Amino acid sequence: MNSTRDKAQAFTKQLVGQMVGDDLLVQEGKEQEREADREPSKVHYDEHAAGRRTDPSRAASRKDKS
């Protein structure tokens, strides 16, 4: 999973914990958020693709076909 999704899930866990008054759930969400900050995102972005996900090896093969 990528770190952005992990951060969103961690934030949601913290929010729900606060809403229902579950301090343990809030703590778990904070720990999950710290873990997500530690792992690098595995999504690569091509500067010229305007945000489309690309695989560097496929980008090289497309250049060879042109």
PDB file of N, CA and C in Angstrom:
ATOM      1  N   MET A   1       0.835  -1.171   0.000  1.00  0.00           N
ATOM      2  CA  MET A   1       0.000   0.000   0.000  1.00  0.00           C
ATOM      3  C   MET A   1       0.884   1.240   0.000  1.00  0.00           C
ATOM      4  N   ASN A   2       0.409   2.318  -0.566  1.00  0.00           N
ATOM      5  CA  ASN A   2       1.257   3.489  -0.566  1.00  0.00           C
ATOM      6  C   ASN A   2       1.041   4.324   0.684  1.00  0.00           C
ATOM      7  N   SER A   3       2.005   5.166   0.965  1.00  0.00           N
ATOM      8  CA  SER A   3       1.982   5.902   2.227  1.00  0.00           C
ATOM      9  C   SER A   3       0.838   6.904   2.304  1.00  0.00           C
ATOM     10  N   THR A   4       0.383   7.442   1.199  1.00  0.00           N
ATOM     11  CA  THR A   4      -0.732   8.390   1.228  1.00  0.00           C
ATOM     12  C   THR A   4      -1.998   7.700   1.714  1.00  0.00           C
ATOM     13  N   ARG A   5      -2.232   6.500   1.200  1.00  0.00           N
ATOM     14  CA  ARG A   5      -3.412   5.745   1.632  1.00  0.00           C
ATOM     15  C   ARG A   5      -3.285   5.362   3.107  1.00  0.00           C
ATOM     16  N   ASP A   6      -2.101   4.945   3.528  1.00  0.00           N
ATOM     17  CA  ASP A   6      -1.876   4.591   4.924  1.00  0.00           C
ATOM     18  C   ASP A   6      -2.114   5.783   5.843  1.00  0.00           C
ATOM     19  N   LYS A   7      -1.650   6.969   5.414  1.00  0.00           N
ATOM     20  CA  LYS A   7      -1.857   8.178   6.217  1.00  0.00           C
ATOM     21  C   LYS A   7      -3.342   8.507   6.334  1.00  0.00           C
ATOM     22  N   ALA A   8      -4.073   8.361   5.233  1.00  0.00           N
ATOM     23  CA  ALA A   8      -5.506   8.638   5.259  1.00  0.00           C
ATOM     24  C   ALA A   8      -6.234   7.676   6.193  1.00  0.00           C
ATOM     25  N   GLN A   9      -5.854   6.406   6.151  1.00  0.00           N
ATOM     26  CA  GLN A   9      -6.471   5.428   7.045  1.00  0.00           C
ATOM     27  C   GLN A   9      -6.134   5.728   8.502  1.00  0.00           C
ATOM     28  N   ALA A  10      -4.894   6.132   8.747  1.00  0.00           N
ATOM     29  CA  ALA A  10      -4.475   6.465  10.110  1.00  0.00           C
ATOM     30  C   ALA A  10      -5.253   7.672  10.619  1.00  0.00           C
ATOM     31  N   PHE A  11      -5.420   8.676   9.783  1.00  0.00           N
ATOM     32  CA  PHE A  11      -6.162   9.864  10.171  1.00  0.00           C
ATOM     33  C   PHE A  11      -7.616   9.522  10.467  1.00  0.00           C
ATOM     34  N   THR A  12      -8.204   8.670   9.629  1.00  0.00           N
ATOM     35  CA  THR A  12      -9.585   8.242   9.837  1.00  0.00           C
ATOM     36  C   THR A  12      -9.725   7.500  11.159  1.00  0.00           C
ATOM     37  N   LYS A  13      -8.762   6.638  11.443  1.00  0.00           N
ATOM     38  CA  LYS A  13      -8.782   5.889  12.703  1.00  0.00           C
ATOM     39  C   LYS A  13      -8.731   6.850  13.894  1.00  0.00           C
ATOM     40  N   GLN A  14      -7.890   7.875  13.794  1.00  0.00           N
ATOM     41  CA  GLN A  14      -7.788   8.867  14.870  1.00  0.00           C
ATOM     42  C   GLN A  14      -9.109   9.630  15.037  1.00  0.00           C
ATOM     43  N   LEU A  15      -9.708  10.032  13.920  1.00  0.00           N
ATOM     44  CA  LEU A  15     -10.973  10.774  13.977  1.00  0.00           C
ATOM     45  C   LEU A  15     -12.084   9.950  14.625  1.00  0.00           C
ATOM     46  N   VAL A  16     -12.205   8.716  14.190  1.00  0.00           N
ATOM     47  CA  VAL A  16     -13.241   7.849  14.741  1.00  0.00           C
ATOM     48  C   VAL A  16     -12.990   7.621  16.231  1.00  0.00           C
ATOM     49  N   GLY A  17     -11.736   7.422  16.589  1.00  0.00           N
ATOM     50  CA  GLY A  17     -11.397   7.249  17.999  1.00  0.00           C
ATOM     51  C   GLY A  17     -11.786   8.449  18.836  1.00  0.00           C
ATOM     52  N   GLN A  18     -11.547   9.633  18.296  1.00  0.00           N
ATOM     53  CA  GLN A  18     -11.923  10.855  19.018  1.00  0.00           C
ATOM     54  C   GLN A  18     -13.441  10.981  19.125  1.00  0.00           C
ATOM     55  N   MET A  19     -14.143  10.617  18.061  1.00  0.00           N
ATOM     56  CA  MET A  19     -15.607  10.747  18.057  1.00  0.00           C
ATOM     57  C   MET A  19     -16.260   9.817  19.081  1.00  0.00           C
ATOM     58  N   VAL A  20     -15.727   8.612  19.217  1.00  0.00           N
ATOM     59  CA  VAL A  20     -16.346   7.653  20.138  1.00  0.00           C
ATOM     60  C   VAL A  20     -15.662   7.634  21.509  1.00  0.00           C
ATOM     61  N   GLY A  21     -14.608   8.437  21.652  1.00  0.00           N
ATOM     62  CA  GLY A  21     -13.913   8.513  22.939  1.00  0.00           C
ATOM     63  C   GLY A  21     -13.010   7.332  23.224  1.00  0.00           C
ATOM     64  N   ASP A  22     -12.457   6.714  22.176  1.00  0.00           N
ATOM     65  CA  ASP A  22     -11.575   5.556  22.334  1.00  0.00           C
ATOM     66  C   ASP A  22     -10.123   6.007  22.178  1.00  0.00           C
ATOM     67  N   ASP A  23      -9.461   6.226  23.320  1.00  0.00           N
ATOM     68  CA  ASP A  23      -8.076   6.707  23.292  1.00  0.00           C
ATOM     69  C   ASP A  23      -7.114   5.701  22.661  1.00  0.00           C
ATOM     70  N   LEU A  24      -7.387   4.416  22.827  1.00  0.00           N
ATOM     71  CA  LEU A  24      -6.527   3.394  22.237  1.00  0.00           C
ATOM     72  C   LEU A  24      -6.571   3.469  20.708  1.00  0.00           C
ATOM     73  N   LEU A  25      -7.739   3.689  20.160  1.00  0.00           N
ATOM     74  CA  LEU A  25      -7.883   3.810  18.711  1.00  0.00           C
ATOM     75  C   LEU A  25      -7.136   5.047  18.197  1.00  0.00           C
ATOM     76  N   VAL A  26      -7.179   6.128  18.961  1.00  0.00           N
ATOM     77  CA  VAL A  26      -6.450   7.346  18.586  1.00  0.00           C
ATOM     78  C   VAL A  26      -4.950   7.061  18.580  1.00  0.00           C
ATOM     79  N   GLN A  27      -4.464   6.379  19.603  1.00  0.00           N
ATOM     80  CA  GLN A  27      -3.041   6.048  19.682  1.00  0.00           C
ATOM     81  C   GLN A  27      -2.619   5.137  18.532  1.00  0.00           C
ATOM     82  N   GLU A  28      -3.448   4.148  18.204  1.00  0.00           N
ATOM     83  CA  GLU A  28      -3.147   3.255  17.082  1.00  0.00           C
ATOM     84  C   GLU A  28      -3.069   4.039  15.776  1.00  0.00           C
ATOM     85  N   GLY A  29      -3.969   4.990  15.597  1.00  0.00           N
ATOM     86  CA  GLY A  29      -3.955   5.821  14.396  1.00  0.00           C
ATOM     87  C   GLY A  29      -2.690   6.652  14.307  1.00  0.00           C
ATOM     88  N   LYS A  30      -2.254   7.201  15.439  1.00  0.00           N
ATOM     89  CA  LYS A  30      -1.026   7.999  15.447  1.00  0.00           C
ATOM     90  C   LYS A  30       0.190   7.139  15.110  1.00  0.00           C
ATOM     91  N   GLU A  31       0.233   5.929  15.646  1.00  0.00           N
ATOM     92  CA  GLU A  31       1.344   5.022  15.353  1.00  0.00           C
ATOM     93  C   GLU A  31       1.326   4.611  13.881  1.00  0.00           C
ATOM     94  N   GLN A  32       0.158   4.336  13.356  1.00  0.00           N
ATOM     95  CA  GLN A  32       0.033   3.972  11.941  1.00  0.00           C
ATOM     96  C   GLN A  32       0.499   5.137  11.058  1.00  0.00           C
ATOM     97  N   GLU A  33       0.200   6.359  11.463  1.00  0.00           N
ATOM     98  CA  GLU A  33       0.632   7.528  10.696  1.00  0.00           C
ATOM     99  C   GLU A  33       2.155   7.655  10.722  1.00  0.00           C
ATOM    100  N   ARG A  34       2.763   7.411  11.879  1.00  0.00           N
ATOM    101  CA  ARG A  34       4.235   7.442  11.967  1.00  0.00           C
ATOM    102  C   ARG A  34       4.858   6.387  11.065  1.00  0.00           C
ATOM    103  N   GLU A  35       4.272   5.194  11.044  1.00  0.00           N
ATOM    104  CA  GLU A  35       4.769   4.114  10.180  1.00  0.00           C
ATOM    105  C   GLU A  35       4.673   4.522   8.704  1.00  0.00           C
ATOM    106  N   ALA A  36       3.568   5.155   8.335  1.00  0.00           N
ATOM    107  CA  ALA A  36       3.377   5.582   6.947  1.00  0.00           C
ATOM    108  C   ALA A  36       4.403   6.647   6.561  1.00  0.00           C
ATOM    109  N   ASP A  37       4.772   7.501   7.502  1.00  0.00           N
ATOM    110  CA  ASP A  37       5.783   8.522   7.223  1.00  0.00           C
ATOM    111  C   ASP A  37       7.157   7.907   7.006  1.00  0.00           C
ATOM    112  N   ARG A  38       7.399   6.768   7.633  1.00  0.00           N
ATOM    113  CA  ARG A  38       8.707   6.114   7.517  1.00  0.00           C
ATOM    114  C   ARG A  38       8.904   5.405   6.184  1.00  0.00           C
ATOM    115  N   GLU A  39       7.842   4.864   5.618  1.00  0.00           N
ATOM    116  CA  GLU A  39       7.999   4.098   4.373  1.00  0.00           C
ATOM    117  C   GLU A  39       7.826   5.009   3.161  1.00  0.00           C
ATOM    118  N   PRO A  40       8.735   4.911   2.202  1.00  0.00           N
ATOM    119  CA  PRO A  40       8.649   5.771   1.015  1.00  0.00           C
ATOM    120  C   PRO A  40       7.492   5.351   0.115  1.00  0.00           C
ATOM    121  N   SER A  41       6.956   6.297  -0.596  1.00  0.00           N
ATOM    122  CA  SER A  41       5.886   6.023  -1.540  1.00  0.00           C
ATOM    123  C   SER A  41       6.453   5.242  -2.726  1.00  0.00           C
ATOM    124  N   LYS A  42       5.701   4.267  -3.221  1.00  0.00           N
ATOM    125  CA  LYS A  42       6.181   3.424  -4.309  1.00  0.00           C
ATOM    126  C   LYS A  42       5.628   3.869  -5.664  1.00  0.00           C
ATOM    127  N   VAL A  43       4.934   4.987  -5.697  1.00  0.00           N
ATOM    128  CA  VAL A  43       4.357   5.493  -6.934  1.00  0.00           C
ATOM    129  C   VAL A  43       5.345   6.452  -7.583  1.00  0.00           C
ATOM    130  N   HIS A  44       5.633   6.236  -8.869  1.00  0.00           N
ATOM    131  CA  HIS A  44       6.543   7.106  -9.609  1.00  0.00           C
ATOM    132  C   HIS A  44       5.723   8.006 -10.522  1.00  0.00           C
ATOM    133  N   TYR A  45       6.118   9.240 -10.593  1.00  0.00           N
ATOM    134  CA  TYR A  45       5.414  10.172 -11.461  1.00  0.00           C
ATOM    135  C   TYR A  45       6.360  10.716 -12.516  1.00  0.00           C
ATOM    136  N   ASP A  46       5.895  10.748 -13.720  1.00  0.00           N
ATOM    137  CA  ASP A  46       6.630  11.314 -14.836  1.00  0.00           C
ATOM    138  C   ASP A  46       6.284  12.800 -14.885  1.00  0.00           C
ATOM    139  N   GLU A  47       7.280  13.666 -14.890  1.00  0.00           N
ATOM    140  CA  GLU A  47       7.034  15.109 -14.872  1.00  0.00           C
ATOM    141  C   GLU A  47       6.182  15.550 -16.052  1.00  0.00           C
ATOM    142  N   HIS A  48       6.311  14.894 -17.176  1.00  0.00           N
ATOM    143  CA  HIS A  48       5.603  15.310 -18.377  1.00  0.00           C
ATOM    144  C   HIS A  48       4.231  14.644 -18.516  1.00  0.00           C
ATOM    145  N   ALA A  49       3.895  13.745 -17.625  1.00  0.00           N
ATOM    146  CA  ALA A  49       2.635  13.025 -17.757  1.00  0.00           C
ATOM    147  C   ALA A  49       1.505  13.699 -16.980  1.00  0.00           C
ATOM    148  N   ALA A  50       1.782  14.820 -16.363  1.00  0.00           N
ATOM    149  CA  ALA A  50       0.765  15.593 -15.625  1.00  0.00           C
ATOM    150  C   ALA A  50       0.037  14.736 -14.606  1.00  0.00           C
ATOM    151  N   GLY A  51       0.800  13.988 -13.829  1.00  0.00           N
ATOM    152  CA  GLY A  51       0.224  13.221 -12.734  1.00  0.00           C
ATOM    153  C   GLY A  51      -0.152  11.797 -13.050  1.00  0.00           C
ATOM    154  N   ARG A  52      -0.001  11.340 -14.298  1.00  0.00           N
ATOM    155  CA  ARG A  52      -0.316   9.938 -14.590  1.00  0.00           C
ATOM    156  C   ARG A  52       0.771   9.048 -14.014  1.00  0.00           C
ATOM    157  N   ARG A  53       0.374   7.910 -13.471  1.00  0.00           N
ATOM    158  CA  ARG A  53       1.351   6.958 -12.934  1.00  0.00           C
ATOM    159  C   ARG A  53       2.104   6.318 -14.089  1.00  0.00           C
ATOM    160  N   THR A  54       3.424   6.206 -13.922  1.00  0.00           N
ATOM    161  CA  THR A  54       4.223   5.577 -14.966  1.00  0.00           C
ATOM    162  C   THR A  54       5.226   4.627 -14.341  1.00  0.00           C
ATOM    163  N   ASP A  55       5.611   3.653 -15.092  1.00  0.00           N
ATOM    164  CA  ASP A  55       6.660   2.726 -14.710  1.00  0.00           C
ATOM    165  C   ASP A  55       7.890   3.143 -15.512  1.00  0.00           C
ATOM    166  N   PRO A  56       9.010   3.481 -14.852  1.00  0.00           N
ATOM    167  CA  PRO A  56      10.191   3.958 -15.583  1.00  0.00           C
ATOM    168  C   PRO A  56      10.651   3.019 -16.685  1.00  0.00           C
ATOM    169  N   SER A  57      10.536   1.713 -16.504  1.00  0.00           N
ATOM    170  CA  SER A  57      10.984   0.778 -17.534  1.00  0.00           C
ATOM    171  C   SER A  57      10.063   0.840 -18.756  1.00  0.00           C
ATOM    172  N   ARG A  58       8.770   1.045 -18.544  1.00  0.00           N
ATOM    173  CA  ARG A  58       7.835   1.159 -19.668  1.00  0.00           C
ATOM    174  C   ARG A  58       8.034   2.471 -20.397  1.00  0.00           C
ATOM    175  N   ALA A  59       8.370   3.528 -19.658  1.00  0.00           N
ATOM    176  CA  ALA A  59       8.615   4.824 -20.301  1.00  0.00           C
ATOM    177  C   ALA A  59       9.807   4.716 -21.262  1.00  0.00           C
ATOM    178  N   ALA A  60      10.834   3.981 -20.859  1.00  0.00           N
ATOM    179  CA  ALA A  60      12.012   3.802 -21.709  1.00  0.00           C
ATOM    180  C   ALA A  60      11.649   3.020 -22.965  1.00  0.00           C
ATOM    181  N   SER A  61      10.801   1.996 -22.827  1.00  0.00           N
ATOM    182  CA  SER A  61      10.430   1.193 -23.992  1.00  0.00           C
ATOM    183  C   SER A  61       9.570   2.004 -24.959  1.00  0.00           C
ATOM    184  N   ARG A  62       8.755   2.927 -24.460  1.00  0.00           N
ATOM    185  CA  ARG A  62       7.952   3.773 -25.351  1.00  0.00           C
ATOM    186  C   ARG A  62       8.845   4.700 -26.167  1.00  0.00           C
ATOM    187  N   LYS A  63       9.925   5.173 -25.569  1.00  0.00           N
ATOM    188  CA  LYS A  63      10.839   6.051 -26.279  1.00  0.00           C
ATOM    189  C   LYS A  63      11.534   5.287 -27.412  1.00  0.00           C
ATOM    190  N   ASP A  64      11.836   4.013 -27.171  1.00  0.00           N
ATOM    191  CA  ASP A  64      12.503   3.197 -28.183  1.00  0.00           C
ATOM    192  C   ASP A  64      11.601   2.951 -29.389  1.00  0.00           C
ATOM    193  N   LYS A  65      10.290   2.882 -29.191  1.00  0.00           N
ATOM    194  CA  LYS A  65       9.349   2.600 -30.278  1.00  0.00           C
ATOM    195  C   LYS A  65       9.129   3.806 -31.184  1.00  0.00           C
ATOM    196  N   SER A  66       9.391   4.990 -30.691  1.00  0.00           N
ATOM    197  CA  SER A  66       9.127   6.219 -31.473  1.00  0.00           C
ATOM    198  C   SER A  66      10.084   6.369 -32.617  1.00  0.00           C
TER     199      SER A  66
END
